[in-house]
């Protein structure tokens, strides 16, 4: 895979965004860890989409739910609005999340993330996912937060995201500009397809 790590096994999966290759770390033929190339981040407002002018939306002021916030917008195949704060636990996500998701600036709504940077290599995030509400994890959102932290000078291009549902390692690779997301593989259910 393009992030420089060699994986002993891989799997190709057809998605709505095309065929992706997933790197696997196996133990006793069972996947323990998975690495996915999440693609290149997109910054142009039309590609996100967000109704703002310019080439990028980085720390742009927005008034919402009686608050004045700075947002950074990125597309990882879907729209993300990232907000940095001192304490993610203090954010009233159930109140402010839907107000941002449905703000007039976002013609297709947006995913909303509040990020607390711990140091140059890790951050904690909480997510309001468009159409779903508060979620335990969001892979594209973690990638968008890592990119936002890097382009605003808060974190390095390789970082760890701490989400309510677990941790993800993120690498915004310089060689191909793609974001690689690595996390644990855990069996949550099994079924039989007739």
N, C-alpha and C. Protein backbone atom coordinates (compact mmCIF):
# COMPACT_ATOMS: atom_id res chain seq x y z
N UNK A 1 0.84 -1.18 0.00
CA UNK A 1 0.00 0.00 0.00
C UNK A 1 0.89 1.24 0.00
N UNK A 2 0.33 2.34 -0.43
CA UNK A 2 1.10 3.55 -0.65
C UNK A 2 1.61 4.26 0.57
N UNK A 3 1.31 3.79 1.78
CA UNK A 3 1.80 4.49 2.97
C UNK A 3 3.15 3.95 3.43
N UNK A 4 3.76 3.08 2.63
CA UNK A 4 5.08 2.57 2.96
C UNK A 4 5.07 1.30 3.80
N UNK A 5 3.92 0.92 4.34
CA UNK A 5 3.81 -0.28 5.16
C UNK A 5 3.47 -1.46 4.26
N UNK A 6 4.15 -2.58 4.46
CA UNK A 6 3.85 -3.80 3.71
C UNK A 6 2.94 -4.67 4.57
N UNK A 7 1.86 -5.14 3.97
CA UNK A 7 0.92 -5.98 4.68
C UNK A 7 1.01 -7.40 4.15
N UNK A 8 0.94 -8.40 5.05
CA UNK A 8 1.07 -9.78 4.61
C UNK A 8 -0.11 -10.26 3.76
N UNK A 9 -1.23 -9.58 3.85
CA UNK A 9 -2.41 -9.96 3.07
C UNK A 9 -3.18 -8.72 2.69
N UNK A 10 -3.95 -8.82 1.64
CA UNK A 10 -4.80 -7.70 1.24
C UNK A 10 -6.10 -8.24 0.67
N UNK A 11 -7.05 -7.35 0.56
CA UNK A 11 -8.38 -7.71 0.10
C UNK A 11 -8.87 -6.55 -0.76
N UNK A 12 -9.46 -6.85 -1.91
CA UNK A 12 -10.05 -5.82 -2.75
C UNK A 12 -11.56 -5.81 -2.52
N UNK A 13 -12.10 -4.61 -2.30
CA UNK A 13 -13.53 -4.47 -2.02
C UNK A 13 -14.11 -3.44 -2.97
N UNK A 14 -15.22 -3.79 -3.63
CA UNK A 14 -15.89 -2.85 -4.51
C UNK A 14 -16.84 -1.99 -3.69
N UNK A 15 -16.68 -0.67 -3.79
CA UNK A 15 -17.52 0.27 -3.07
C UNK A 15 -18.15 1.25 -4.06
N UNK A 16 -19.02 2.10 -3.56
CA UNK A 16 -19.61 3.14 -4.40
C UNK A 16 -18.57 4.11 -4.93
N UNK A 17 -17.42 4.20 -4.26
CA UNK A 17 -16.34 5.08 -4.68
C UNK A 17 -15.32 4.36 -5.56
N UNK A 18 -15.58 3.10 -5.88
CA UNK A 18 -14.65 2.31 -6.70
C UNK A 18 -14.08 1.15 -5.90
N UNK A 19 -13.10 0.47 -6.49
CA UNK A 19 -12.47 -0.67 -5.84
C UNK A 19 -11.35 -0.17 -4.93
N UNK A 20 -11.39 -0.57 -3.68
CA UNK A 20 -10.33 -0.20 -2.74
C UNK A 20 -9.58 -1.44 -2.30
N UNK A 21 -8.30 -1.25 -2.00
CA UNK A 21 -7.48 -2.34 -1.49
C UNK A 21 -7.28 -2.12 0.00
N UNK A 22 -7.53 -3.16 0.77
CA UNK A 22 -7.43 -3.10 2.22
C UNK A 22 -6.25 -3.97 2.64
N UNK A 23 -5.30 -3.40 3.38
CA UNK A 23 -4.18 -4.17 3.92
C UNK A 23 -4.60 -4.84 5.22
N UNK A 24 -4.20 -6.08 5.41
CA UNK A 24 -4.61 -6.85 6.58
C UNK A 24 -3.42 -7.35 7.37
N UNK A 25 -3.50 -7.25 8.68
CA UNK A 25 -2.55 -7.90 9.58
C UNK A 25 -3.30 -9.09 10.16
N UNK A 26 -2.78 -10.30 9.90
CA UNK A 26 -3.45 -11.52 10.30
C UNK A 26 -2.76 -12.20 11.47
N UNK A 27 -3.55 -12.90 12.28
CA UNK A 27 -3.02 -13.80 13.30
C UNK A 27 -3.90 -15.04 13.25
N UNK A 28 -3.29 -16.18 13.00
CA UNK A 28 -4.04 -17.43 12.84
C UNK A 28 -5.13 -17.29 11.78
N UNK A 29 -4.78 -16.64 10.67
CA UNK A 29 -5.65 -16.43 9.51
C UNK A 29 -6.87 -15.55 9.80
N UNK A 30 -6.82 -14.84 10.91
CA UNK A 30 -7.91 -13.93 11.27
C UNK A 30 -7.36 -12.50 11.29
N UNK A 31 -8.06 -11.59 10.63
CA UNK A 31 -7.61 -10.20 10.57
C UNK A 31 -7.64 -9.57 11.96
N UNK A 32 -6.53 -8.96 12.35
CA UNK A 32 -6.42 -8.27 13.63
C UNK A 32 -6.44 -6.75 13.45
N UNK A 33 -5.90 -6.32 12.31
CA UNK A 33 -5.78 -4.90 12.01
C UNK A 33 -6.00 -4.69 10.52
N UNK A 34 -6.61 -3.56 10.16
CA UNK A 34 -6.93 -3.26 8.77
C UNK A 34 -6.44 -1.86 8.44
N UNK A 35 -5.85 -1.72 7.24
CA UNK A 35 -5.43 -0.40 6.76
C UNK A 35 -6.14 -0.13 5.44
N UNK A 36 -6.79 1.03 5.36
CA UNK A 36 -7.56 1.39 4.17
C UNK A 36 -7.04 2.71 3.60
N UNK A 37 -6.81 2.73 2.29
CA UNK A 37 -6.51 3.98 1.61
C UNK A 37 -7.83 4.70 1.43
N UNK A 38 -8.02 5.80 2.16
CA UNK A 38 -9.28 6.54 2.14
C UNK A 38 -9.32 7.60 1.04
N UNK A 39 -8.26 7.70 0.26
CA UNK A 39 -8.23 8.63 -0.86
C UNK A 39 -7.66 9.99 -0.48
N UNK A 40 -7.69 10.87 -1.45
CA UNK A 40 -7.15 12.22 -1.27
C UNK A 40 -8.21 13.16 -0.70
N UNK A 41 -7.82 13.99 0.25
CA UNK A 41 -8.76 15.01 0.74
C UNK A 41 -8.99 16.06 -0.35
N UNK A 42 -10.19 16.61 -0.37
CA UNK A 42 -10.51 17.68 -1.31
C UNK A 42 -10.87 18.92 -0.52
N UNK A 43 -10.39 20.05 -1.01
CA UNK A 43 -10.51 21.30 -0.26
C UNK A 43 -11.37 22.36 -0.94
N UNK A 44 -11.56 22.26 -2.24
CA UNK A 44 -12.32 23.30 -2.94
C UNK A 44 -13.77 23.30 -2.49
N UNK A 45 -14.30 24.47 -2.19
CA UNK A 45 -15.68 24.54 -1.68
C UNK A 45 -16.71 23.82 -2.55
N UNK A 46 -16.57 23.89 -3.88
CA UNK A 46 -17.53 23.23 -4.77
C UNK A 46 -17.47 21.71 -4.63
N UNK A 47 -16.28 21.17 -4.31
CA UNK A 47 -16.12 19.72 -4.20
C UNK A 47 -16.63 19.18 -2.86
N UNK A 48 -16.82 20.05 -1.86
CA UNK A 48 -17.17 19.56 -0.52
C UNK A 48 -18.64 19.13 -0.43
N UNK A 49 -19.68 19.80 -0.79
CA UNK A 49 -19.80 21.21 -1.14
C UNK A 49 -20.14 22.10 0.07
N UNK A 50 -19.63 23.34 -0.02
CA UNK A 50 -19.95 24.38 0.94
C UNK A 50 -20.04 25.69 0.15
N UNK A 51 -21.05 26.49 0.42
CA UNK A 51 -21.31 27.71 -0.34
C UNK A 51 -20.42 28.86 0.14
N UNK A 52 -19.13 28.73 -0.11
CA UNK A 52 -18.17 29.79 0.21
C UNK A 52 -17.21 29.95 -0.96
N UNK A 53 -16.65 31.14 -1.09
CA UNK A 53 -15.71 31.41 -2.18
C UNK A 53 -14.30 31.03 -1.75
N UNK A 54 -13.39 30.99 -2.72
CA UNK A 54 -11.98 30.72 -2.44
C UNK A 54 -11.58 29.31 -2.80
N UNK A 55 -10.31 29.02 -2.58
CA UNK A 55 -9.74 27.71 -2.89
C UNK A 55 -9.91 26.71 -1.75
N UNK A 56 -9.92 27.22 -0.52
CA UNK A 56 -10.04 26.36 0.66
C UNK A 56 -10.87 27.07 1.72
N UNK A 57 -11.44 26.28 2.62
CA UNK A 57 -12.18 26.82 3.77
C UNK A 57 -11.43 26.38 5.01
N UNK A 58 -10.54 27.25 5.48
CA UNK A 58 -9.70 26.93 6.64
C UNK A 58 -9.94 27.98 7.72
N UNK A 59 -10.44 27.51 8.86
CA UNK A 59 -10.74 28.36 10.01
C UNK A 59 -11.59 29.57 9.61
N UNK A 60 -12.65 29.26 8.89
CA UNK A 60 -13.59 30.28 8.44
C UNK A 60 -14.63 30.50 9.54
N UNK A 61 -14.91 31.76 9.89
CA UNK A 61 -15.90 32.02 10.94
C UNK A 61 -17.32 31.66 10.49
N UNK A 62 -18.07 31.10 11.42
CA UNK A 62 -19.47 30.77 11.16
C UNK A 62 -20.25 31.05 12.45
N UNK A 63 -21.41 31.67 12.29
CA UNK A 63 -22.30 31.89 13.42
C UNK A 63 -23.40 30.84 13.39
N UNK A 64 -23.54 30.10 14.48
CA UNK A 64 -24.54 29.04 14.52
C UNK A 64 -24.95 28.78 15.97
N UNK A 65 -26.26 28.61 16.18
CA UNK A 65 -26.82 28.30 17.50
C UNK A 65 -26.32 29.27 18.57
N UNK A 66 -26.22 30.55 18.20
CA UNK A 66 -25.79 31.58 19.15
C UNK A 66 -24.31 31.59 19.45
N UNK A 67 -23.53 30.84 18.69
CA UNK A 67 -22.08 30.79 18.92
C UNK A 67 -21.33 31.21 17.67
N UNK A 68 -20.13 31.72 17.87
CA UNK A 68 -19.23 32.09 16.77
C UNK A 68 -18.09 31.09 16.80
N UNK A 69 -17.97 30.31 15.72
CA UNK A 69 -16.98 29.24 15.65
C UNK A 69 -16.10 29.40 14.41
N UNK A 70 -14.95 28.73 14.42
CA UNK A 70 -14.08 28.69 13.25
C UNK A 70 -14.12 27.27 12.69
N UNK A 71 -14.43 27.16 11.39
CA UNK A 71 -14.55 25.82 10.80
C UNK A 71 -13.57 25.63 9.65
N UNK A 72 -13.14 24.40 9.53
CA UNK A 72 -12.31 23.97 8.41
C UNK A 72 -13.11 22.88 7.70
N UNK A 73 -13.30 23.04 6.38
CA UNK A 73 -14.14 22.11 5.62
C UNK A 73 -13.29 21.28 4.67
N UNK A 74 -13.59 19.98 4.63
CA UNK A 74 -12.84 19.03 3.82
C UNK A 74 -13.82 17.97 3.32
N UNK A 75 -13.57 17.48 2.12
CA UNK A 75 -14.32 16.33 1.63
C UNK A 75 -13.40 15.12 1.60
N UNK A 76 -13.89 14.02 2.13
CA UNK A 76 -13.21 12.72 1.99
C UNK A 76 -14.17 11.80 1.22
N UNK A 77 -14.80 12.39 0.19
CA UNK A 77 -15.85 11.69 -0.53
C UNK A 77 -17.22 12.05 0.01
N UNK A 78 -17.24 12.70 1.16
CA UNK A 78 -18.44 13.23 1.78
C UNK A 78 -18.03 14.48 2.58
N UNK A 79 -18.96 15.38 2.85
CA UNK A 79 -18.60 16.67 3.45
C UNK A 79 -18.35 16.60 4.96
N UNK A 80 -17.33 17.35 5.39
CA UNK A 80 -16.98 17.42 6.81
C UNK A 80 -16.67 18.85 7.20
N UNK A 81 -17.20 19.27 8.35
CA UNK A 81 -16.88 20.56 8.96
C UNK A 81 -16.20 20.25 10.29
N UNK A 82 -14.96 20.74 10.45
CA UNK A 82 -14.14 20.44 11.62
C UNK A 82 -13.97 21.70 12.46
N UNK A 83 -14.17 21.56 13.77
CA UNK A 83 -14.05 22.67 14.71
C UNK A 83 -13.10 22.26 15.83
N UNK A 84 -12.09 23.07 16.10
CA UNK A 84 -11.15 22.77 17.18
C UNK A 84 -11.63 23.44 18.46
N UNK A 85 -11.46 22.75 19.57
CA UNK A 85 -11.91 23.27 20.86
C UNK A 85 -10.97 22.80 21.96
N UNK A 86 -11.13 23.37 23.14
CA UNK A 86 -10.27 23.02 24.28
C UNK A 86 -10.73 21.75 24.98
N UNK A 87 -12.04 21.45 24.92
CA UNK A 87 -12.57 20.30 25.65
C UNK A 87 -13.78 19.74 24.91
N UNK A 88 -13.60 18.60 24.23
CA UNK A 88 -14.71 18.03 23.45
C UNK A 88 -15.87 17.58 24.33
N UNK A 89 -15.59 17.26 25.59
CA UNK A 89 -16.67 16.81 26.47
C UNK A 89 -17.60 17.96 26.85
N UNK A 90 -17.13 19.19 26.74
CA UNK A 90 -17.95 20.36 27.09
C UNK A 90 -18.86 20.81 25.94
N UNK A 91 -18.63 20.28 24.74
CA UNK A 91 -19.43 20.67 23.58
C UNK A 91 -20.82 20.05 23.67
N UNK A 92 -21.84 20.87 23.51
CA UNK A 92 -23.22 20.39 23.50
C UNK A 92 -23.56 19.90 22.09
N UNK A 93 -23.00 18.75 21.75
CA UNK A 93 -23.08 18.23 20.40
C UNK A 93 -24.52 17.98 19.94
N UNK A 94 -25.37 17.54 20.86
CA UNK A 94 -26.76 17.27 20.50
C UNK A 94 -27.51 18.55 20.13
N UNK A 95 -27.02 19.71 20.57
CA UNK A 95 -27.64 21.00 20.24
C UNK A 95 -27.01 21.63 19.01
N UNK A 96 -25.69 21.66 18.99
CA UNK A 96 -24.99 22.38 17.92
C UNK A 96 -24.77 21.54 16.67
N UNK A 97 -24.69 20.21 16.84
CA UNK A 97 -24.47 19.33 15.70
C UNK A 97 -25.52 19.46 14.61
N UNK A 98 -26.82 19.33 14.94
CA UNK A 98 -27.84 19.45 13.90
C UNK A 98 -27.93 20.86 13.31
N UNK A 99 -27.62 21.88 14.10
CA UNK A 99 -27.65 23.25 13.59
C UNK A 99 -26.57 23.45 12.51
N UNK A 100 -25.40 22.86 12.73
CA UNK A 100 -24.33 22.97 11.72
C UNK A 100 -24.64 22.06 10.53
N UNK A 101 -25.06 20.82 10.81
CA UNK A 101 -25.38 19.86 9.73
C UNK A 101 -26.33 20.48 8.72
N UNK A 102 -27.32 21.20 9.20
CA UNK A 102 -28.37 21.74 8.34
C UNK A 102 -28.20 23.22 8.01
N UNK A 103 -27.02 23.77 8.28
CA UNK A 103 -26.77 25.19 8.00
C UNK A 103 -26.88 25.45 6.50
N UNK A 104 -27.37 26.62 6.15
CA UNK A 104 -27.57 26.99 4.74
C UNK A 104 -26.30 26.95 3.91
N UNK A 105 -25.13 27.01 4.53
CA UNK A 105 -23.87 26.94 3.78
C UNK A 105 -23.63 25.56 3.16
N UNK A 106 -24.34 24.53 3.68
CA UNK A 106 -24.10 23.15 3.23
C UNK A 106 -25.30 22.63 2.44
N UNK A 107 -25.26 22.71 1.11
CA UNK A 107 -26.41 22.30 0.30
C UNK A 107 -26.75 20.81 0.43
N UNK A 108 -25.79 19.99 0.80
CA UNK A 108 -26.04 18.55 0.98
C UNK A 108 -25.87 18.14 2.44
N UNK A 109 -25.99 19.13 3.33
CA UNK A 109 -25.74 18.94 4.76
C UNK A 109 -24.27 18.57 4.97
N UNK A 110 -23.84 18.39 6.21
CA UNK A 110 -22.44 18.06 6.47
C UNK A 110 -22.31 17.24 7.75
N UNK A 111 -21.22 16.51 7.83
CA UNK A 111 -20.81 15.84 9.07
C UNK A 111 -20.10 16.89 9.92
N UNK A 112 -20.28 16.81 11.23
CA UNK A 112 -19.74 17.83 12.13
C UNK A 112 -18.82 17.16 13.14
N UNK A 113 -17.61 17.71 13.29
CA UNK A 113 -16.63 17.13 14.21
C UNK A 113 -16.02 18.21 15.10
N UNK A 114 -15.98 17.93 16.39
CA UNK A 114 -15.27 18.78 17.33
C UNK A 114 -14.02 18.03 17.76
N UNK A 115 -12.88 18.74 17.72
CA UNK A 115 -11.58 18.11 17.93
C UNK A 115 -10.81 18.83 19.03
N UNK A 116 -10.28 18.05 19.94
CA UNK A 116 -9.40 18.54 21.01
C UNK A 116 -8.02 17.93 20.75
N UNK A 117 -7.06 18.78 20.43
CA UNK A 117 -5.71 18.30 20.15
C UNK A 117 -4.99 18.02 21.47
N UNK A 118 -4.46 16.81 21.61
CA UNK A 118 -3.71 16.44 22.81
C UNK A 118 -2.25 16.83 22.69
N UNK A 119 -1.68 16.57 21.53
CA UNK A 119 -0.29 16.93 21.22
C UNK A 119 -0.13 16.84 19.70
N UNK A 120 1.07 16.97 19.20
CA UNK A 120 1.30 16.99 17.75
C UNK A 120 0.97 15.66 17.08
N UNK A 121 0.77 14.61 17.88
CA UNK A 121 0.56 13.28 17.31
C UNK A 121 -0.78 12.64 17.63
N UNK A 122 -1.64 13.34 18.41
CA UNK A 122 -2.92 12.72 18.74
C UNK A 122 -3.97 13.76 19.10
N UNK A 123 -5.20 13.36 18.84
CA UNK A 123 -6.34 14.23 19.15
C UNK A 123 -7.54 13.37 19.53
N UNK A 124 -8.48 14.02 20.23
CA UNK A 124 -9.74 13.39 20.61
C UNK A 124 -10.83 14.09 19.82
N UNK A 125 -11.81 13.32 19.35
CA UNK A 125 -12.87 13.92 18.54
C UNK A 125 -14.23 13.36 18.92
N UNK A 126 -15.26 14.18 18.66
CA UNK A 126 -16.65 13.76 18.79
C UNK A 126 -17.35 14.15 17.50
N UNK A 127 -18.31 13.31 17.11
CA UNK A 127 -18.93 13.47 15.79
C UNK A 127 -20.45 13.51 15.86
N UNK A 128 -20.98 14.45 15.07
CA UNK A 128 -22.41 14.46 14.74
C UNK A 128 -22.45 14.10 13.25
N UNK A 129 -22.93 12.90 12.94
CA UNK A 129 -22.93 12.44 11.56
C UNK A 129 -24.24 12.82 10.89
N UNK A 130 -24.13 13.37 9.68
CA UNK A 130 -25.34 13.84 9.00
C UNK A 130 -26.31 12.67 8.79
N UNK A 131 -27.54 12.90 9.15
CA UNK A 131 -28.57 11.90 9.00
C UNK A 131 -28.59 10.84 10.10
N UNK A 132 -27.59 10.83 10.99
CA UNK A 132 -27.52 9.79 12.03
C UNK A 132 -27.48 10.35 13.44
N UNK A 133 -26.90 11.53 13.61
CA UNK A 133 -26.75 12.09 14.95
C UNK A 133 -25.39 11.76 15.53
N UNK A 134 -25.31 11.73 16.85
CA UNK A 134 -24.03 11.45 17.52
C UNK A 134 -23.66 10.00 17.26
N UNK A 135 -22.42 9.77 16.81
CA UNK A 135 -21.96 8.41 16.53
C UNK A 135 -20.68 8.13 17.32
N UNK A 136 -20.40 6.84 17.50
CA UNK A 136 -19.21 6.43 18.24
C UNK A 136 -17.93 6.57 17.42
N UNK A 137 -18.06 6.52 16.10
CA UNK A 137 -16.88 6.61 15.24
C UNK A 137 -17.30 7.02 13.84
N UNK A 138 -16.36 7.60 13.12
CA UNK A 138 -16.59 7.99 11.73
C UNK A 138 -15.22 7.97 11.05
N UNK A 139 -15.02 6.99 10.18
CA UNK A 139 -13.72 6.84 9.52
C UNK A 139 -13.36 8.00 8.63
N UNK A 140 -14.28 8.41 7.74
CA UNK A 140 -13.97 9.55 6.88
C UNK A 140 -13.81 10.81 7.72
N UNK A 141 -14.58 10.89 8.82
CA UNK A 141 -14.47 12.05 9.71
C UNK A 141 -13.13 12.10 10.41
N UNK A 142 -12.62 10.95 10.86
CA UNK A 142 -11.30 10.92 11.50
C UNK A 142 -10.23 11.37 10.51
N UNK A 143 -10.38 10.94 9.25
CA UNK A 143 -9.42 11.37 8.21
C UNK A 143 -9.50 12.88 8.00
N UNK A 144 -10.72 13.40 7.91
CA UNK A 144 -10.90 14.85 7.72
C UNK A 144 -10.33 15.63 8.89
N UNK A 145 -10.51 15.13 10.12
CA UNK A 145 -9.98 15.80 11.30
C UNK A 145 -8.45 15.78 11.30
N UNK A 146 -7.86 14.66 10.90
CA UNK A 146 -6.40 14.56 10.83
C UNK A 146 -5.84 15.55 9.81
N UNK A 147 -6.49 15.65 8.66
CA UNK A 147 -6.04 16.59 7.63
C UNK A 147 -6.22 18.02 8.12
N UNK A 148 -7.36 18.33 8.74
CA UNK A 148 -7.60 19.68 9.26
C UNK A 148 -6.57 20.05 10.32
N UNK A 149 -6.23 19.10 11.19
CA UNK A 149 -5.23 19.36 12.22
C UNK A 149 -3.86 19.61 11.59
N UNK A 150 -3.55 18.90 10.53
CA UNK A 150 -2.26 19.08 9.85
C UNK A 150 -2.20 20.42 9.11
N UNK A 151 -3.25 20.76 8.36
CA UNK A 151 -3.18 21.99 7.56
C UNK A 151 -3.27 23.25 8.42
N UNK A 152 -3.77 23.12 9.64
CA UNK A 152 -3.80 24.28 10.55
C UNK A 152 -2.60 24.30 11.48
N UNK A 153 -1.66 23.35 11.29
CA UNK A 153 -0.42 23.33 12.07
C UNK A 153 -0.57 22.80 13.49
N UNK A 154 -1.65 22.12 13.78
CA UNK A 154 -1.87 21.60 15.13
C UNK A 154 -1.27 20.21 15.35
N UNK A 155 -1.26 19.39 14.29
CA UNK A 155 -0.74 18.02 14.38
C UNK A 155 0.15 17.72 13.19
N UNK A 156 0.92 16.66 13.33
CA UNK A 156 1.72 16.14 12.23
C UNK A 156 0.81 15.41 11.26
N UNK A 157 1.37 15.01 10.12
CA UNK A 157 0.59 14.29 9.11
C UNK A 157 0.30 12.84 9.52
N UNK A 158 1.01 12.34 10.52
CA UNK A 158 0.74 11.02 11.08
C UNK A 158 0.24 11.25 12.50
N UNK A 159 -0.97 10.74 12.81
CA UNK A 159 -1.55 11.01 14.12
C UNK A 159 -2.49 9.88 14.52
N UNK A 160 -2.88 9.91 15.78
CA UNK A 160 -3.85 8.96 16.32
C UNK A 160 -5.10 9.72 16.73
N UNK A 161 -6.25 9.23 16.26
CA UNK A 161 -7.53 9.81 16.63
C UNK A 161 -8.15 8.95 17.73
N UNK A 162 -8.58 9.61 18.80
CA UNK A 162 -9.30 8.94 19.89
C UNK A 162 -10.78 9.28 19.72
N UNK A 163 -11.58 8.27 19.44
CA UNK A 163 -13.01 8.42 19.25
C UNK A 163 -13.73 7.66 20.36
N UNK A 164 -14.98 7.97 20.65
CA UNK A 164 -15.70 7.20 21.67
C UNK A 164 -15.69 5.69 21.40
N UNK A 165 -15.64 5.30 20.11
CA UNK A 165 -15.66 3.89 19.74
C UNK A 165 -14.30 3.23 19.65
N UNK A 166 -13.21 3.97 19.87
CA UNK A 166 -11.87 3.38 19.78
C UNK A 166 -10.88 4.32 19.13
N UNK A 167 -9.73 3.78 18.79
CA UNK A 167 -8.64 4.58 18.22
C UNK A 167 -8.39 4.21 16.77
N UNK A 168 -7.97 5.21 15.99
CA UNK A 168 -7.56 5.00 14.60
C UNK A 168 -6.23 5.70 14.38
N UNK A 169 -5.34 5.03 13.65
CA UNK A 169 -4.09 5.65 13.25
C UNK A 169 -4.29 6.21 11.85
N UNK A 170 -3.83 7.44 11.65
CA UNK A 170 -4.03 8.13 10.38
C UNK A 170 -2.70 8.62 9.83
N UNK A 171 -2.53 8.45 8.53
CA UNK A 171 -1.31 8.90 7.87
C UNK A 171 -1.70 9.59 6.58
N UNK A 172 -1.54 10.91 6.53
CA UNK A 172 -1.76 11.67 5.31
C UNK A 172 -0.43 11.65 4.58
N UNK A 173 -0.28 10.68 3.70
CA UNK A 173 1.00 10.38 3.06
C UNK A 173 1.42 11.48 2.08
N UNK A 174 2.69 11.84 2.14
CA UNK A 174 3.20 12.87 1.23
C UNK A 174 3.42 12.32 -0.17
N UNK A 175 3.71 11.01 -0.30
CA UNK A 175 4.04 10.47 -1.62
C UNK A 175 2.86 10.41 -2.58
N UNK A 176 1.64 10.24 -2.08
CA UNK A 176 0.49 10.17 -2.99
C UNK A 176 -0.68 11.06 -2.55
N UNK A 177 -0.50 11.80 -1.45
CA UNK A 177 -1.51 12.72 -0.91
C UNK A 177 -2.76 12.01 -0.41
N UNK A 178 -2.72 10.69 -0.27
CA UNK A 178 -3.86 9.93 0.23
C UNK A 178 -3.78 9.79 1.75
N UNK A 179 -4.94 9.62 2.37
CA UNK A 179 -5.00 9.40 3.81
C UNK A 179 -5.20 7.90 4.04
N UNK A 180 -4.30 7.31 4.83
CA UNK A 180 -4.37 5.89 5.18
C UNK A 180 -4.88 5.77 6.61
N UNK A 181 -5.93 4.98 6.78
CA UNK A 181 -6.54 4.80 8.08
C UNK A 181 -6.33 3.35 8.53
N UNK A 182 -5.78 3.18 9.73
CA UNK A 182 -5.52 1.85 10.26
C UNK A 182 -6.22 1.71 11.61
N UNK A 183 -6.91 0.59 11.76
CA UNK A 183 -7.61 0.35 13.02
C UNK A 183 -7.79 -1.13 13.26
N UNK A 184 -8.31 -1.48 14.42
CA UNK A 184 -8.49 -2.89 14.77
C UNK A 184 -9.63 -3.52 13.96
N UNK A 185 -9.49 -4.82 13.70
CA UNK A 185 -10.55 -5.59 13.07
C UNK A 185 -11.18 -6.45 14.16
N UNK A 186 -12.45 -6.20 14.42
CA UNK A 186 -13.14 -6.91 15.50
C UNK A 186 -14.43 -7.51 14.94
N UNK A 187 -14.64 -8.79 15.18
CA UNK A 187 -15.88 -9.43 14.74
C UNK A 187 -17.01 -8.98 15.66
N UNK A 188 -18.05 -8.41 15.04
CA UNK A 188 -19.19 -7.92 15.82
C UNK A 188 -20.42 -8.80 15.64
N UNK A 189 -20.48 -9.55 14.54
CA UNK A 189 -21.56 -10.50 14.33
C UNK A 189 -21.17 -11.41 13.19
N UNK A 190 -21.92 -12.48 13.01
CA UNK A 190 -21.75 -13.34 11.85
C UNK A 190 -23.13 -13.74 11.36
N UNK A 191 -23.20 -14.07 10.08
CA UNK A 191 -24.47 -14.45 9.50
C UNK A 191 -24.25 -15.34 8.31
N UNK A 192 -25.31 -15.84 7.78
CA UNK A 192 -25.28 -16.71 6.60
C UNK A 192 -26.09 -16.05 5.51
N UNK A 193 -25.47 -15.92 4.33
CA UNK A 193 -26.16 -15.32 3.19
C UNK A 193 -26.73 -16.47 2.35
N UNK A 194 -28.03 -16.48 2.14
CA UNK A 194 -28.63 -17.63 1.45
C UNK A 194 -28.22 -17.72 -0.02
